[in-house]
Amino acid sequence: MEPFTVLTSRAVPLDIANVDTDQLIPARFLKKPRSSGYDNYLLYDLRFDEAGAPRPDFVLNRPEYRGAKIVVTGPNFGCGSSREGAVYALVDAGIRCVIAASFGDIFFNNAPKNGLLPVVLPPDQVAEVRAALDGACAELTVDLQAQEVRGPGFAFRFDIDPFRREGLLKGIDEIDLTLQYRERIEAFRADYLAERPWAGVRG
């Protein structure tokens, strides 16, 4: 997982509330292997018409937002099901940060495990950030070290759980964290089995 320290990028103003996980990646695409790229299915039914042609008026299809790594959106983002594919679709599309007033709980927990930073700001601050992006295609800086979102004329501080912050800064998930203690785990296991040899017997 790529470490997240300071990100400066174009940002997409997605002014939609209650974007749920079935909108982020419709269920019919979850049977596809992720190796094919879940970015192809991100917000599919909003980005494309019934014939599969891109909707030119949808913000993610507008050329000025191409390559953006930050999304600034409405409240309750990622509500709905527990599908981790919703996070995969964003990450595979190059999105590293989503800024909103609130998130669906499961999405919020899944995001940092996959290198995606969910930033919670008060609604008035989210509105100010999003307004700065409309038409101007301004860049934002999301500084995880300082816990700030910075843009033209503003710098807003955000809170984050220290454990999640550390994992994102180092680019590690829970498995990576556990593997850092591999030698100690193996030593404990060896000592445990030496004292209780019967515990390693398999039926």
C-alpha atoms as a PDB file:
ATOM      1  CA  MET A   1       0.000   0.000   0.000  1.00  0.00           C
ATOM      2  CA  GLU A   2       1.395   3.405  -0.969  1.00  0.00           C
ATOM      3  CA  PRO A   3       2.050   5.672   2.032  1.00  0.00           C
ATOM      4  CA  PHE A   4      -0.151   8.739   2.374  1.00  0.00           C
ATOM      5  CA  THR A   5       1.652  11.796   3.713  1.00  0.00           C
ATOM      6  CA  VAL A   6       0.875  14.993   1.787  1.00  0.00           C
ATOM      7  CA  LEU A   7      -1.312  14.893  -1.329  1.00  0.00           C
ATOM      8  CA  THR A   8      -1.731  17.843  -3.686  1.00  0.00           C
ATOM      9  CA  SER A   9      -4.082  17.231  -6.575  1.00  0.00           C
ATOM     10  CA  ARG A  10      -7.024  18.438  -8.572  1.00  0.00           C
ATOM     11  CA  ALA A  11     -10.243  17.640  -6.748  1.00  0.00           C
ATOM     12  CA  VAL A  12     -13.671  16.636  -8.032  1.00  0.00           C
ATOM     13  CA  PRO A  13     -16.739  18.431  -6.594  1.00  0.00           C
ATOM     14  CA  LEU A  14     -19.307  15.619  -6.443  1.00  0.00           C
ATOM     15  CA  ASP A  15     -22.291  17.479  -5.028  1.00  0.00           C
ATOM     16  CA  ILE A  16     -24.459  14.437  -4.267  1.00  0.00           C
ATOM     17  CA  ALA A  17     -25.693  13.309  -0.850  1.00  0.00           C
ATOM     18  CA  ASN A  18     -26.123   9.688   0.223  1.00  0.00           C
ATOM     19  CA  VAL A  19     -23.925   8.138  -2.462  1.00  0.00           C
ATOM     20  CA  ASP A  20     -24.323   4.484  -1.569  1.00  0.00           C
ATOM     21  CA  THR A  21     -22.091   1.501  -2.237  1.00  0.00           C
ATOM     22  CA  ASP A  22     -24.351   0.216  -5.028  1.00  0.00           C
ATOM     23  CA  GLN A  23     -23.851   3.515  -6.819  1.00  0.00           C
ATOM     24  CA  LEU A  24     -20.100   3.416  -6.219  1.00  0.00           C
ATOM     25  CA  ILE A  25     -19.959  -0.039  -7.808  1.00  0.00           C
ATOM     26  CA  PRO A  26     -23.206  -1.696  -8.920  1.00  0.00           C
ATOM     27  CA  ALA A  27     -23.610  -5.244  -7.615  1.00  0.00           C
ATOM     28  CA  ARG A  28     -23.594  -6.762 -11.119  1.00  0.00           C
ATOM     29  CA  PHE A  29     -19.901  -5.904 -11.463  1.00  0.00           C
ATOM     30  CA  LEU A  30     -18.743  -7.509  -8.228  1.00  0.00           C
ATOM     31  CA  LYS A  31     -18.373 -10.892  -9.956  1.00  0.00           C
ATOM     32  CA  LYS A  32     -15.666  -9.377 -12.162  1.00  0.00           C
ATOM     33  CA  PRO A  33     -12.046 -10.024 -11.114  1.00  0.00           C
ATOM     34  CA  ARG A  34     -10.442  -6.970  -9.606  1.00  0.00           C
ATOM     35  CA  SER A  35      -7.412  -7.564 -11.805  1.00  0.00           C
ATOM     36  CA  SER A  36      -9.459  -6.191 -14.699  1.00  0.00           C
ATOM     37  CA  GLY A  37      -9.710  -2.841 -12.902  1.00  0.00           C
ATOM     38  CA  TYR A  38     -12.685  -1.812 -10.780  1.00  0.00           C
ATOM     39  CA  ASP A  39     -12.135   1.771 -11.892  1.00  0.00           C
ATOM     40  CA  ASN A  40     -14.108   0.860 -15.023  1.00  0.00           C
ATOM     41  CA  TYR A  41     -17.216   0.426 -12.857  1.00  0.00           C
ATOM     42  CA  LEU A  42     -16.887   3.390 -10.481  1.00  0.00           C
ATOM     43  CA  LEU A  43     -20.247   5.226 -10.359  1.00  0.00           C
ATOM     44  CA  TYR A  44     -21.095   3.375 -13.554  1.00  0.00           C
ATOM     45  CA  ASP A  45     -24.810   4.139 -13.723  1.00  0.00           C
ATOM     46  CA  LEU A  46     -24.132   7.846 -13.174  1.00  0.00           C
ATOM     47  CA  ARG A  47     -21.172   8.069 -15.539  1.00  0.00           C
ATOM     48  CA  PHE A  48     -22.691   6.116 -18.444  1.00  0.00           C
ATOM     49  CA  ASP A  49     -26.050   5.938 -20.198  1.00  0.00           C
ATOM     50  CA  GLU A  50     -28.032   2.781 -21.018  1.00  0.00           C
ATOM     51  CA  ALA A  51     -25.943   2.204 -24.150  1.00  0.00           C
ATOM     52  CA  GLY A  52     -22.697   2.470 -22.183  1.00  0.00           C
ATOM     53  CA  ALA A  53     -21.753   5.866 -23.577  1.00  0.00           C
ATOM     54  CA  PRO A  54     -20.200   8.426 -21.167  1.00  0.00           C
ATOM     55  CA  ARG A  55     -22.554  11.157 -19.988  1.00  0.00           C
ATOM     56  CA  PRO A  56     -20.615  14.328 -20.911  1.00  0.00           C
ATOM     57  CA  ASP A  57     -22.314  16.427 -18.215  1.00  0.00           C
ATOM     58  CA  PHE A  58     -21.312  14.120 -15.344  1.00  0.00           C
ATOM     59  CA  VAL A  59     -18.439  15.649 -13.390  1.00  0.00           C
ATOM     60  CA  LEU A  60     -16.127  12.627 -13.509  1.00  0.00           C
ATOM     61  CA  ASN A  61     -16.359  12.616 -17.298  1.00  0.00           C
ATOM     62  CA  ARG A  62     -15.336  16.245 -17.673  1.00  0.00           C
ATOM     63  CA  PRO A  63     -11.777  16.578 -19.010  1.00  0.00           C
ATOM     64  CA  GLU A  64     -10.792  19.301 -16.540  1.00  0.00           C
ATOM     65  CA  TYR A  65     -11.150  16.832 -13.653  1.00  0.00           C
ATOM     66  CA  ARG A  66      -9.238  14.007 -15.303  1.00  0.00           C
ATOM     67  CA  GLY A  67      -6.516  12.669 -13.034  1.00  0.00           C
ATOM     68  CA  ALA A  68      -8.053  14.072  -9.852  1.00  0.00           C
ATOM     69  CA  LYS A  69      -7.106  12.156  -6.715  1.00  0.00           C
ATOM     70  CA  ILE A  70      -9.487  13.883  -4.292  1.00  0.00           C
ATOM     71  CA  VAL A  71     -13.301  13.853  -4.198  1.00  0.00           C
ATOM     72  CA  VAL A  72     -15.305  16.434  -2.237  1.00  0.00           C
ATOM     73  CA  THR A  73     -18.844  15.169  -1.860  1.00  0.00           C
ATOM     74  CA  GLY A  74     -22.123  15.276   0.030  1.00  0.00           C
ATOM     75  CA  PRO A  75     -22.973  13.774   3.423  1.00  0.00           C
ATOM     76  CA  ASN A  76     -23.404  10.088   4.204  1.00  0.00           C
ATOM     77  CA  PHE A  77     -20.979   9.008   1.489  1.00  0.00           C
ATOM     78  CA  GLY A  78     -20.528   5.250   1.169  1.00  0.00           C
ATOM     79  CA  CYS A  79     -23.732   4.293   2.954  1.00  0.00           C
ATOM     80  CA  GLY A  80     -25.437   1.001   2.151  1.00  0.00           C
ATOM     81  CA  SER A  81     -23.894  -2.444   1.999  1.00  0.00           C
ATOM     82  CA  SER A  82     -20.592  -3.679   3.384  1.00  0.00           C
ATOM     83  CA  ARG A  83     -19.038  -4.352  -0.045  1.00  0.00           C
ATOM     84  CA  GLU A  84     -15.342  -3.520  -0.006  1.00  0.00           C
ATOM     85  CA  GLY A  85     -15.531  -3.229  -3.785  1.00  0.00           C
ATOM     86  CA  ALA A  86     -16.851   0.314  -3.305  1.00  0.00           C
ATOM     87  CA  VAL A  87     -13.463   1.284  -1.885  1.00  0.00           C
ATOM     88  CA  TYR A  88     -11.615  -0.744  -4.525  1.00  0.00           C
ATOM     89  CA  ALA A  89     -13.381   1.158  -7.308  1.00  0.00           C
ATOM     90  CA  LEU A  90     -12.264   4.518  -5.935  1.00  0.00           C
ATOM     91  CA  VAL A  91      -8.696   3.390  -5.275  1.00  0.00           C
ATOM     92  CA  ASP A  92      -8.390   1.750  -8.696  1.00  0.00           C
ATOM     93  CA  ALA A  93      -9.533   5.041 -10.236  1.00  0.00           C
ATOM     94  CA  GLY A  94      -6.644   6.810  -8.514  1.00  0.00           C
ATOM     95  CA  ILE A  95      -8.704   8.437  -5.735  1.00  0.00           C
ATOM     96  CA  ARG A  96      -6.694   8.701  -2.510  1.00  0.00           C
ATOM     97  CA  CYS A  97      -8.965  10.949  -0.421  1.00  0.00           C
ATOM     98  CA  VAL A  98     -12.697  11.608  -0.041  1.00  0.00           C
ATOM     99  CA  ILE A  99     -13.853  14.681   1.884  1.00  0.00           C
ATOM    100  CA  ALA A 100     -17.412  14.735   3.254  1.00  0.00           C
ATOM    101  CA  ALA A 101     -19.441  15.784   6.280  1.00  0.00           C
ATOM    102  CA  SER A 102     -20.191  12.142   7.116  1.00  0.00           C
ATOM    103  CA  PHE A 103     -19.647   8.600   5.845  1.00  0.00           C
ATOM    104  CA  GLY A 104     -21.300   5.225   6.033  1.00  0.00           C
ATOM    105  CA  ASP A 105     -19.697   3.419   8.987  1.00  0.00           C
ATOM    106  CA  ILE A 106     -18.508   0.282   7.156  1.00  0.00           C
ATOM    107  CA  PHE A 107     -17.157   2.250   4.198  1.00  0.00           C
ATOM    108  CA  PHE A 108     -15.352   4.566   6.634  1.00  0.00           C
ATOM    109  CA  ASN A 109     -13.656   1.565   8.268  1.00  0.00           C
ATOM    110  CA  ASN A 110     -12.805  -0.155   4.966  1.00  0.00           C
ATOM    111  CA  ALA A 111     -11.257   2.908   3.339  1.00  0.00           C
ATOM    112  CA  PRO A 112      -8.000   3.322   5.343  1.00  0.00           C
ATOM    113  CA  LYS A 113      -7.284  -0.408   5.073  1.00  0.00           C
ATOM    114  CA  ASN A 114      -6.974   0.111   1.330  1.00  0.00           C
ATOM    115  CA  GLY A 115      -5.023   3.362   1.332  1.00  0.00           C
ATOM    116  CA  LEU A 116      -8.026   5.684   0.966  1.00  0.00           C
ATOM    117  CA  LEU A 117      -8.248   8.567   3.442  1.00  0.00           C
ATOM    118  CA  PRO A 118     -11.793   9.599   4.459  1.00  0.00           C
ATOM    119  CA  VAL A 119     -11.755  13.160   5.808  1.00  0.00           C
ATOM    120  CA  VAL A 120     -14.695  14.420   7.892  1.00  0.00           C
ATOM    121  CA  LEU A 121     -15.238  18.181   7.981  1.00  0.00           C
ATOM    122  CA  PRO A 122     -18.234  20.216   9.197  1.00  0.00           C
ATOM    123  CA  PRO A 123     -20.870  20.763   6.480  1.00  0.00           C
ATOM    124  CA  ASP A 124     -20.095  24.468   6.083  1.00  0.00           C
ATOM    125  CA  GLN A 125     -16.413  23.735   5.533  1.00  0.00           C
ATOM    126  CA  VAL A 126     -17.180  20.995   3.007  1.00  0.00           C
ATOM    127  CA  ALA A 127     -19.417  23.443   1.142  1.00  0.00           C
ATOM    128  CA  GLU A 128     -16.631  26.045   1.106  1.00  0.00           C
ATOM    129  CA  VAL A 129     -14.096  23.546  -0.202  1.00  0.00           C
ATOM    130  CA  ARG A 130     -16.476  22.320  -2.904  1.00  0.00           C
ATOM    131  CA  ALA A 131     -17.371  25.880  -3.945  1.00  0.00           C
ATOM    132  CA  ALA A 132     -13.681  26.629  -4.452  1.00  0.00           C
ATOM    133  CA  LEU A 133     -13.515  23.799  -6.989  1.00  0.00           C
ATOM    134  CA  ASP A 134     -16.551  24.573  -9.151  1.00  0.00           C
ATOM    135  CA  GLY A 135     -15.368  25.897 -12.463  1.00  0.00           C
ATOM    136  CA  ALA A 136     -11.943  26.874 -11.161  1.00  0.00           C
ATOM    137  CA  CYS A 137     -10.490  23.348 -11.102  1.00  0.00           C
ATOM    138  CA  ALA A 138      -8.410  24.412  -8.114  1.00  0.00           C
ATOM    139  CA  GLU A 139      -5.988  22.071  -6.455  1.00  0.00           C
ATOM    140  CA  LEU A 140      -6.318  20.959  -2.867  1.00  0.00           C
ATOM    141  CA  THR A 141      -3.639  19.800  -0.479  1.00  0.00           C
ATOM    142  CA  VAL A 142      -4.532  17.119   2.039  1.00  0.00           C
ATOM    143  CA  ASP A 143      -1.792  16.973   4.639  1.00  0.00           C
ATOM    144  CA  LEU A 144      -2.162  13.890   6.807  1.00  0.00           C
ATOM    145  CA  GLN A 145       0.902  14.762   8.867  1.00  0.00           C
ATOM    146  CA  ALA A 146      -0.563  18.148   9.857  1.00  0.00           C
ATOM    147  CA  GLN A 147      -4.166  16.870   9.594  1.00  0.00           C
ATOM    148  CA  GLU A 148      -5.202  19.756   7.367  1.00  0.00           C
ATOM    149  CA  VAL A 149      -7.094  20.349   4.137  1.00  0.00           C
ATOM    150  CA  ARG A 150      -5.688  23.424   2.397  1.00  0.00           C
ATOM    151  CA  GLY A 151      -6.943  25.335  -0.620  1.00  0.00           C
ATOM    152  CA  PRO A 152      -7.303  28.876  -1.946  1.00  0.00           C
ATOM    153  CA  GLY A 153      -8.035  30.977   1.132  1.00  0.00           C
ATOM    154  CA  PHE A 154      -8.630  28.229   3.688  1.00  0.00           C
ATOM    155  CA  ALA A 155      -6.915  25.636   5.875  1.00  0.00           C
ATOM    156  CA  PHE A 156      -9.233  23.284   7.751  1.00  0.00           C
ATOM    157  CA  ARG A 157      -8.044  20.837  10.388  1.00  0.00           C
ATOM    158  CA  PHE A 158      -9.523  17.342  10.589  1.00  0.00           C
ATOM    159  CA  ASP A 159      -9.396  14.594  13.195  1.00  0.00           C
ATOM    160  CA  ILE A 160      -8.403  11.003  12.548  1.00  0.00           C
ATOM    161  CA  ASP A 161      -7.893   7.944  14.726  1.00  0.00           C
ATOM    162  CA  PRO A 162      -4.149   7.725  15.546  1.00  0.00           C
ATOM    163  CA  PHE A 163      -3.952   4.039  14.581  1.00  0.00           C
ATOM    164  CA  ARG A 164      -5.466   4.694  11.144  1.00  0.00           C
ATOM    165  CA  ARG A 165      -3.268   7.751  10.674  1.00  0.00           C
ATOM    166  CA  GLU A 166      -0.119   5.778  11.437  1.00  0.00           C
ATOM    167  CA  GLY A 167      -1.092   2.980   9.054  1.00  0.00           C
ATOM    168  CA  LEU A 168      -1.763   5.414   6.202  1.00  0.00           C
ATOM    169  CA  LEU A 169       1.439   7.374   6.842  1.00  0.00           C
ATOM    170  CA  LYS A 170       3.487   4.161   6.709  1.00  0.00           C
ATOM    171  CA  GLY A 171       1.422   2.510   3.973  1.00  0.00           C
ATOM    172  CA  ILE A 172       0.608  -0.580   6.025  1.00  0.00           C
ATOM    173  CA  ASP A 173      -2.579  -2.434   6.908  1.00  0.00           C
ATOM    174  CA  GLU A 174      -3.335  -4.766   9.817  1.00  0.00           C
ATOM    175  CA  ILE A 175      -1.640  -7.728   8.109  1.00  0.00           C
ATOM    176  CA  ASP A 176       1.511  -5.718   7.454  1.00  0.00           C
ATOM    177  CA  LEU A 177       1.471  -4.557  11.067  1.00  0.00           C
ATOM    178  CA  THR A 178       1.198  -8.138  12.315  1.00  0.00           C
ATOM    179  CA  LEU A 179       4.041  -9.277  10.060  1.00  0.00           C
ATOM    180  CA  GLN A 180       6.335  -6.712  11.690  1.00  0.00           C
ATOM    181  CA  TYR A 181       6.203  -8.966  14.758  1.00  0.00           C
ATOM    182  CA  ARG A 182       6.796 -12.215  12.844  1.00  0.00           C
ATOM    183  CA  GLU A 183       9.968 -13.148  14.759  1.00  0.00           C
ATOM    184  CA  ARG A 184       8.333 -12.559  18.139  1.00  0.00           C
ATOM    185  CA  ILE A 185       5.232 -14.507  17.090  1.00  0.00           C
ATOM    186  CA  GLU A 186       7.327 -17.438  15.875  1.00  0.00           C
ATOM    187  CA  ALA A 187       9.419 -17.390  19.048  1.00  0.00           C
ATOM    188  CA  PHE A 188       6.280 -17.417  21.191  1.00  0.00           C
ATOM    189  CA  ARG A 189       4.863 -20.298  19.164  1.00  0.00           C
ATOM    190  CA  ALA A 190       8.078 -22.322  19.525  1.00  0.00           C
ATOM    191  CA  ASP A 191       8.193 -21.759  23.298  1.00  0.00           C
ATOM    192  CA  TYR A 192       4.502 -22.550  23.646  1.00  0.00           C
ATOM    193  CA  LEU A 193       4.818 -25.859  21.752  1.00  0.00           C
ATOM    194  CA  ALA A 194       7.986 -26.773  23.649  1.00  0.00           C
ATOM    195  CA  GLU A 195       6.052 -26.509  26.910  1.00  0.00           C
ATOM    196  CA  ARG A 196       2.900 -28.130  25.483  1.00  0.00           C
ATOM    197  CA  PRO A 197       3.965 -30.520  22.694  1.00  0.00           C
ATOM    198  CA  TRP A 198       0.497 -32.049  22.687  1.00  0.00           C
ATOM    199  CA  ALA A 199      -0.919 -28.708  21.441  1.00  0.00           C
ATOM    200  CA  GLY A 200       0.744 -29.147  18.057  1.00  0.00           C
ATOM    201  CA  VAL A 201      -0.682 -32.639  17.451  1.00  0.00           C
ATOM    202  CA  ARG A 202      -3.257 -32.736  14.671  1.00  0.00           C
ATOM    203  CA  GLY A 203      -5.946 -35.374  14.526  1.00  0.00           C
END
